[in-house]
């Protein structure tokens, strides 16, 4: 009988060369949260917090209907609104080190700028403009 299993799975495969594969998966609870705005900043202990919000019109405070002769709901008369017109609802928050936040920011900017722009390109531009502040982005991962 032929053994198709690897002899030792605890160490690196000598035939694998100089590559390391990371497989990406998605949990069953994965969801996408809509966000129309975000806020946050450096917290008391140095971590960076970003909270994502969705803005929408607030539902009316009440719907008013007339009653018919039997005491049942009849026609819609009016909607009574709350004092404010827009609701800003937190969707999710993400806390990370300042270095991770900086790396995320450069990655986002590079992706928005498109083909040919790398995270390193964005970091170089930021470093040259804000050289005195880069060292304050926190500890490395």
Protein backbone atom coordinates (compact mmCIF):
# COMPACT_ATOMS: atom_id res chain seq x y z
CA UNK A 1 0.00 0.00 0.00
CA UNK A 2 1.40 3.41 -1.00
CA UNK A 3 1.63 6.20 1.63
CA UNK A 4 0.49 9.52 0.05
CA UNK A 5 0.79 11.55 3.27
CA UNK A 6 3.72 13.83 4.01
CA UNK A 7 6.35 12.29 6.26
CA UNK A 8 6.49 15.23 8.71
CA UNK A 9 3.90 18.01 8.63
CA UNK A 10 5.42 19.85 11.62
CA UNK A 11 8.19 21.55 9.63
CA UNK A 12 8.63 23.27 6.29
CA UNK A 13 8.49 21.15 3.15
CA UNK A 14 12.01 21.10 1.68
CA UNK A 15 10.52 20.80 -1.82
CA UNK A 16 8.37 23.91 -1.39
CA UNK A 17 11.17 26.30 -2.29
CA UNK A 18 11.09 29.83 -0.92
CA UNK A 19 7.35 30.34 -0.96
CA UNK A 20 4.88 30.44 1.88
CA UNK A 21 1.20 30.03 1.09
CA UNK A 22 -1.56 31.63 3.17
CA UNK A 23 -5.04 30.48 2.27
CA UNK A 24 -7.84 33.03 2.65
CA UNK A 25 -11.19 31.87 3.95
CA UNK A 26 -14.43 33.51 5.01
CA UNK A 27 -16.23 32.77 8.28
CA UNK A 28 -19.92 31.89 8.27
CA UNK A 29 -20.63 35.13 10.14
CA UNK A 30 -18.85 37.36 7.56
CA UNK A 31 -20.94 40.41 6.65
CA UNK A 32 -20.40 43.67 4.82
CA UNK A 33 -21.47 46.76 6.73
CA UNK A 34 -22.43 49.84 4.72
CA UNK A 35 -20.66 53.03 5.77
CA UNK A 36 -21.25 56.58 4.65
CA UNK A 37 -18.90 58.18 7.18
CA UNK A 38 -16.22 57.27 9.70
CA UNK A 39 -14.63 58.85 12.75
CA UNK A 40 -12.15 57.93 15.42
CA UNK A 41 -8.58 58.55 16.38
CA UNK A 42 -5.79 57.66 18.77
CA UNK A 43 -7.16 56.37 22.08
CA UNK A 44 -5.82 56.88 25.61
CA UNK A 45 -3.56 53.79 25.49
CA UNK A 46 -2.23 54.57 22.00
CA UNK A 47 -4.37 52.27 19.86
CA UNK A 48 -6.23 53.70 16.89
CA UNK A 49 -10.01 53.38 16.76
CA UNK A 50 -12.09 53.86 13.63
CA UNK A 51 -15.87 53.64 13.79
CA UNK A 52 -17.98 53.37 10.67
CA UNK A 53 -21.43 54.98 10.46
CA UNK A 54 -24.36 54.90 8.10
CA UNK A 55 -26.38 58.06 7.66
CA UNK A 56 -30.03 57.86 6.81
CA UNK A 57 -33.22 59.78 7.29
CA UNK A 58 -34.75 59.08 10.65
CA UNK A 59 -38.01 57.21 10.65
CA UNK A 60 -41.01 59.30 11.62
CA UNK A 61 -41.82 59.34 15.33
CA UNK A 62 -45.41 58.29 14.76
CA UNK A 63 -47.96 57.54 12.07
CA UNK A 64 -51.41 58.99 12.78
CA UNK A 65 -54.57 57.37 11.38
CA UNK A 66 -58.24 58.17 11.71
CA UNK A 67 -60.63 55.60 13.17
CA UNK A 68 -63.78 54.50 11.37
CA UNK A 69 -67.20 54.16 13.05
CA UNK A 70 -66.31 50.64 14.30
CA UNK A 71 -63.15 51.93 16.01
CA UNK A 72 -60.79 50.37 13.44
CA UNK A 73 -57.89 52.12 11.68
CA UNK A 74 -59.01 54.05 8.64
CA UNK A 75 -57.05 56.57 6.56
CA UNK A 76 -53.52 57.80 7.17
CA UNK A 77 -53.70 61.41 8.37
CA UNK A 78 -50.06 62.38 8.91
CA UNK A 79 -46.56 61.35 9.98
CA UNK A 80 -45.09 63.05 13.02
CA UNK A 81 -41.33 63.50 12.75
CA UNK A 82 -38.69 63.68 15.46
CA UNK A 83 -36.84 66.95 15.96
CA UNK A 84 -33.82 65.79 13.94
CA UNK A 85 -33.97 64.74 10.32
CA UNK A 86 -30.88 62.52 9.96
CA UNK A 87 -29.79 59.52 11.98
CA UNK A 88 -26.09 58.61 12.14
CA UNK A 89 -25.95 54.99 13.30
CA UNK A 90 -22.72 53.19 14.26
CA UNK A 91 -22.27 50.03 12.22
CA UNK A 92 -18.98 48.69 13.55
CA UNK A 93 -15.74 49.76 15.16
CA UNK A 94 -12.20 48.57 14.56
CA UNK A 95 -9.34 49.05 17.04
CA UNK A 96 -5.74 48.50 15.95
CA UNK A 97 -2.22 49.70 16.65
CA UNK A 98 -1.19 53.01 15.11
CA UNK A 99 1.29 51.19 12.88
CA UNK A 100 -1.44 48.89 11.58
CA UNK A 101 -3.68 51.93 11.02
CA UNK A 102 -0.87 53.66 9.07
CA UNK A 103 -0.32 50.54 6.96
CA UNK A 104 -4.06 50.27 6.32
CA UNK A 105 -4.21 53.93 5.30
CA UNK A 106 -1.35 53.62 2.80
CA UNK A 107 -2.90 50.43 1.39
CA UNK A 108 -6.29 52.15 0.95
CA UNK A 109 -4.74 55.21 -0.75
CA UNK A 110 -2.66 53.03 -3.09
CA UNK A 111 -5.74 51.03 -4.08
CA UNK A 112 -7.81 54.18 -4.68
CA UNK A 113 -5.07 55.66 -6.89
CA UNK A 114 -5.05 52.48 -8.95
CA UNK A 115 -2.66 50.50 -11.10
CA UNK A 116 1.01 51.28 -10.79
CA UNK A 117 0.77 52.83 -7.30
CA UNK A 118 2.05 50.72 -4.42
CA UNK A 119 1.75 51.04 -0.66
CA UNK A 120 5.48 51.86 -0.64
CA UNK A 121 4.93 54.73 -3.13
CA UNK A 122 2.29 56.26 -0.86
CA UNK A 123 4.44 55.75 2.23
CA UNK A 124 7.41 57.44 0.52
CA UNK A 125 5.33 60.52 -0.32
CA UNK A 126 3.95 60.71 3.22
CA UNK A 127 7.41 60.15 4.73
CA UNK A 128 8.95 62.95 2.68
CA UNK A 129 6.17 65.40 3.60
CA UNK A 130 5.86 64.41 7.27
CA UNK A 131 9.27 62.98 8.11
CA UNK A 132 9.20 64.39 11.66
CA UNK A 133 5.86 62.72 12.46
CA UNK A 134 6.23 59.23 10.98
CA UNK A 135 8.13 57.86 13.98
CA UNK A 136 5.05 58.59 16.14
CA UNK A 137 2.79 56.09 14.35
CA UNK A 138 3.27 53.47 17.09
CA UNK A 139 4.96 50.15 17.60
CA UNK A 140 5.40 47.68 14.82
CA UNK A 141 3.15 44.64 14.69
